[in-house]
Amino acid sequence: MFSGRMLVALLMGFASGLPLLLTGSVLQA
């Protein structure tokens, strides 16, 4: 069962986690 709220939560988590991951990899490099 895939609800719209679950999709929004996943999208928000991805949108906030991706830049964090990118800045982390850039700082390490």
PDB file of N, CA and C in Angstrom:
ATOM      1  N   MET A   1       0.847  -1.196   0.000  1.00  0.00           N
ATOM      2  CA  MET A   1       0.000   0.000   0.000  1.00  0.00           C
ATOM      3  C   MET A   1       0.885   1.250   0.000  1.00  0.00           C
ATOM      4  N   PHE A   2       0.769   2.039  -1.040  1.00  0.00           N
ATOM      5  CA  PHE A   2       1.602   3.234  -1.176  1.00  0.00           C
ATOM      6  C   PHE A   2       0.717   4.465  -1.162  1.00  0.00           C
ATOM      7  N   SER A   3       0.798   5.220  -0.067  1.00  0.00           N
ATOM      8  CA  SER A   3      -0.068   6.393   0.073  1.00  0.00           C
ATOM      9  C   SER A   3       0.641   7.665  -0.377  1.00  0.00           C
ATOM     10  N   GLY A   4      -0.128   8.716  -0.632  1.00  0.00           N
ATOM     11  CA  GLY A   4       0.441   9.985  -1.084  1.00  0.00           C
ATOM     12  C   GLY A   4       1.290  10.628  -0.007  1.00  0.00           C
ATOM     13  N   ARG A   5       0.874  10.477   1.245  1.00  0.00           N
ATOM     14  CA  ARG A   5       1.615  11.080   2.352  1.00  0.00           C
ATOM     15  C   ARG A   5       2.994  10.428   2.480  1.00  0.00           C
ATOM     16  N   MET A   6       3.028   9.104   2.219  1.00  0.00           N
ATOM     17  CA  MET A   6       4.286   8.373   2.282  1.00  0.00           C
ATOM     18  C   MET A   6       5.231   8.861   1.180  1.00  0.00           C
ATOM     19  N   LEU A   7       4.653   9.112   0.008  1.00  0.00           N
ATOM     20  CA  LEU A   7       5.438   9.593  -1.130  1.00  0.00           C
ATOM     21  C   LEU A   7       6.009  10.978  -0.839  1.00  0.00           C
ATOM     22  N   VAL A   8       5.192  11.839  -0.239  1.00  0.00           N
ATOM     23  CA  VAL A   8       5.637  13.195   0.102  1.00  0.00           C
ATOM     24  C   VAL A   8       6.750  13.139   1.151  1.00  0.00           C
ATOM     25  N   ALA A   9       6.594  12.270   2.139  1.00  0.00           N
ATOM     26  CA  ALA A   9       7.599  12.142   3.188  1.00  0.00           C
ATOM     27  C   ALA A   9       8.912  11.633   2.600  1.00  0.00           C
ATOM     28  N   LEU A  10       8.817  10.698   1.665  1.00  0.00           N
ATOM     29  CA  LEU A  10      10.002  10.149   1.016  1.00  0.00           C
ATOM     30  C   LEU A  10      10.694  11.225   0.187  1.00  0.00           C
ATOM     31  N   LEU A  11       9.897  12.008  -0.522  1.00  0.00           N
ATOM     32  CA  LEU A  11      10.432  13.074  -1.370  1.00  0.00           C
ATOM     33  C   LEU A  11      11.113  14.150  -0.521  1.00  0.00           C
ATOM     34  N   MET A  12      10.494  14.502   0.601  1.00  0.00           N
ATOM     35  CA  MET A  12      11.055  15.519   1.486  1.00  0.00           C
ATOM     36  C   MET A  12      12.367  15.028   2.092  1.00  0.00           C
ATOM     37  N   GLY A  13      12.376  13.765   2.494  1.00  0.00           N
ATOM     38  CA  GLY A  13      13.590  13.183   3.069  1.00  0.00           C
ATOM     39  C   GLY A  13      14.710  13.125   2.048  1.00  0.00           C
ATOM     40  N   PHE A  14      14.368  12.792   0.803  1.00  0.00           N
ATOM     41  CA  PHE A  14      15.361  12.712  -0.267  1.00  0.00           C
ATOM     42  C   PHE A  14      15.893  14.099  -0.609  1.00  0.00           C
ATOM     43  N   ALA A  15      14.985  15.084  -0.647  1.00  0.00           N
ATOM     44  CA  ALA A  15      15.358  16.451  -1.013  1.00  0.00           C
ATOM     45  C   ALA A  15      16.258  17.074   0.058  1.00  0.00           C
ATOM     46  N   SER A  16      16.076  16.671   1.318  1.00  0.00           N
ATOM     47  CA  SER A  16      16.885  17.234   2.395  1.00  0.00           C
ATOM     48  C   SER A  16      18.162  16.423   2.609  1.00  0.00           C
ATOM     49  N   GLY A  17      18.126  15.142   2.237  1.00  0.00           N
ATOM     50  CA  GLY A  17      19.274  14.265   2.452  1.00  0.00           C
ATOM     51  C   GLY A  17      20.299  14.334   1.340  1.00  0.00           C
ATOM     52  N   LEU A  18      19.849  14.590   0.105  1.00  0.00           N
ATOM     53  CA  LEU A  18      20.770  14.598  -1.031  1.00  0.00           C
ATOM     54  C   LEU A  18      21.791  15.732  -0.947  1.00  0.00           C
ATOM     55  N   PRO A  19      21.382  16.990  -0.704  1.00  0.00           N
ATOM     56  CA  PRO A  19      22.365  18.072  -0.576  1.00  0.00           C
ATOM     57  C   PRO A  19      23.332  17.833   0.582  1.00  0.00           C
ATOM     58  N   LEU A  20      22.840  17.233   1.654  1.00  0.00           N
ATOM     59  CA  LEU A  20      23.680  16.934   2.806  1.00  0.00           C
ATOM     60  C   LEU A  20      24.744  15.918   2.422  1.00  0.00           C
ATOM     61  N   LEU A  21      24.344  14.915   1.650  1.00  0.00           N
ATOM     62  CA  LEU A  21      25.267  13.886   1.181  1.00  0.00           C
ATOM     63  C   LEU A  21      26.297  14.496   0.230  1.00  0.00           C
ATOM     64  N   LEU A  22      25.835  15.389  -0.629  1.00  0.00           N
ATOM     65  CA  LEU A  22      26.726  16.033  -1.607  1.00  0.00           C
ATOM     66  C   LEU A  22      27.756  16.911  -0.910  1.00  0.00           C
ATOM     67  N   THR A  23      27.329  17.719   0.048  1.00  0.00           N
ATOM     68  CA  THR A  23      28.259  18.596   0.764  1.00  0.00           C
ATOM     69  C   THR A  23      29.242  17.762   1.585  1.00  0.00           C
ATOM     70  N   GLY A  24      28.774  16.647   2.123  1.00  0.00           N
ATOM     71  CA  GLY A  24      29.640  15.762   2.899  1.00  0.00           C
ATOM     72  C   GLY A  24      30.732  15.165   2.028  1.00  0.00           C
ATOM     73  N   SER A  25      30.377  14.723   0.828  1.00  0.00           N
ATOM     74  CA  SER A  25      31.359  14.126  -0.079  1.00  0.00           C
ATOM     75  C   SER A  25      32.321  15.190  -0.595  1.00  0.00           C
ATOM     76  N   VAL A  26      31.822  16.417  -0.782  1.00  0.00           N
ATOM     77  CA  VAL A  26      32.670  17.510  -1.271  1.00  0.00           C
ATOM     78  C   VAL A  26      33.682  17.912  -0.193  1.00  0.00           C
ATOM     79  N   LEU A  27      33.237  17.937   1.065  1.00  0.00           N
ATOM     80  CA  LEU A  27      34.125  18.320   2.157  1.00  0.00           C
ATOM     81  C   LEU A  27      35.201  17.262   2.382  1.00  0.00           C
ATOM     82  N   GLN A  28      34.856  15.991   2.144  1.00  0.00           N
ATOM     83  CA  GLN A  28      35.813  14.904   2.325  1.00  0.00           C
ATOM     84  C   GLN A  28      36.847  14.895   1.207  1.00  0.00           C
ATOM     85  N   ALA A  29      36.446  15.285  -0.012  1.00  0.00           N
ATOM     86  CA  ALA A  29      37.326  15.212  -1.174  1.00  0.00           C
ATOM     87  C   ALA A  29      38.428  16.287  -1.113  1.00  0.00           C
TER      88      ALA A  29
END
